[in-house]
Protein backbone atom coordinates (compact mmCIF):
# COMPACT_ATOMS: atom_id res chain seq x y z
CA UNK A 1 -2.16 10.85 -9.09
CA UNK A 2 -0.50 9.01 -6.25
CA UNK A 3 2.79 7.11 -6.07
CA UNK A 4 2.47 3.68 -4.47
CA UNK A 5 5.65 1.99 -3.24
CA UNK A 6 6.03 -1.67 -2.30
CA UNK A 7 8.82 -3.06 -0.11
CA UNK A 8 10.20 -6.49 0.85
CA UNK A 9 7.80 -9.42 0.25
CA UNK A 10 5.02 -7.04 -0.83
CA UNK A 11 7.22 -6.01 -3.78
CA UNK A 12 8.04 -9.65 -4.49
CA UNK A 13 4.38 -10.69 -4.63
CA UNK A 14 3.28 -7.76 -6.79
CA UNK A 15 6.40 -7.75 -8.96
CA UNK A 16 6.86 -3.98 -8.93
CA UNK A 17 8.83 -1.63 -6.68
CA UNK A 18 6.45 1.29 -7.37
CA UNK A 19 3.68 2.57 -9.60
CA UNK A 20 1.79 5.80 -10.12
CA UNK A 21 -1.98 5.43 -9.92
CA UNK A 22 -5.10 7.44 -10.56
CA UNK A 23 -7.43 6.62 -7.68
CA UNK A 24 -10.74 7.72 -6.24
CA UNK A 25 -9.92 6.07 -2.89
CA UNK A 26 -10.74 8.19 0.16
CA UNK A 27 -8.65 6.15 2.60
CA UNK A 28 -5.74 3.73 2.56
CA UNK A 29 -8.21 0.87 3.09
CA UNK A 30 -10.17 2.01 0.01
CA UNK A 31 -6.94 2.04 -1.99
CA UNK A 32 -6.16 -1.51 -0.83
CA UNK A 33 -9.64 -2.61 -1.95
CA UNK A 34 -9.00 -1.08 -5.39
CA UNK A 35 -5.61 -2.76 -5.64
CA UNK A 36 -6.90 -6.17 -4.55
CA UNK A 37 -9.53 -6.03 -7.30
CA UNK A 38 -6.89 -5.50 -10.01
CA UNK A 39 -5.17 -8.89 -10.20
CA UNK A 40 -4.56 -12.01 -8.10
CA UNK A 41 -0.99 -10.89 -7.28
CA UNK A 42 -2.38 -7.80 -5.51
CA UNK A 43 -4.97 -9.95 -3.74
CA UNK A 44 -2.13 -12.15 -2.47
CA UNK A 45 0.00 -9.21 -1.35
CA UNK A 46 -2.83 -7.60 0.61
CA UNK A 47 -4.52 -10.77 1.90
CA UNK A 48 -3.48 -10.16 5.52
CA UNK A 49 -3.41 -6.48 6.43
CA UNK A 50 -2.28 -7.29 9.96
CA UNK A 51 1.04 -8.32 8.38
CA UNK A 52 1.45 -4.92 6.70
CA UNK A 53 2.30 -1.38 7.66
CA UNK A 54 1.64 1.75 5.66
CA UNK A 55 3.33 5.13 5.43
CA UNK A 56 1.81 8.26 3.90
CA UNK A 57 4.35 10.75 2.59
CA UNK A 58 7.01 8.88 4.61
CA UNK A 59 5.12 9.00 7.92
CA UNK A 60 3.81 5.82 9.54
CA UNK A 61 0.04 5.79 9.33
CA UNK A 62 -3.07 3.62 9.66
CA UNK A 63 -5.25 1.92 7.06
CA UNK A 64 -8.21 4.19 7.93
CA UNK A 65 -6.16 7.34 7.23
CA UNK A 66 -7.48 9.71 4.56
CA UNK A 67 -5.59 10.03 1.28
CA UNK A 68 -6.57 13.63 0.54
CA UNK A 69 -3.42 15.58 -0.28
CA UNK A 70 -1.17 12.51 -0.01
CA UNK A 71 1.43 12.13 -2.75
CA UNK A 72 3.04 8.84 -1.73
CA UNK A 73 1.78 5.62 -0.10
CA UNK A 74 4.24 2.92 0.91
CA UNK A 75 3.36 -0.63 1.95
CA UNK A 76 5.84 -2.78 3.86
CA UNK A 77 5.98 -5.57 6.45
CA UNK A 78 6.58 -4.62 10.10
CA UNK A 79 10.20 -3.79 10.78
CA UNK A 80 12.12 -5.65 13.42
CA UNK A 81 15.05 -4.37 15.43
CA UNK A 82 18.43 -5.95 15.35
């Protein structure tokens, strides 16, 4: 089981702040593919991966990162300073 968290407009498009999933995904990209296949709202949220960042267990990561041993995946738009 893996906790998936959604922030900012990702949360707005999906309609959930978080969910716990059973997944066979080997990488973050595989997880995104699984999510996009679920419903149109996920497809919309993950349509442009260049507009998203991902953190694994609260550490910034890449979409090709492995999920083995990961407990939490968070998706969010790039943060800006200010």
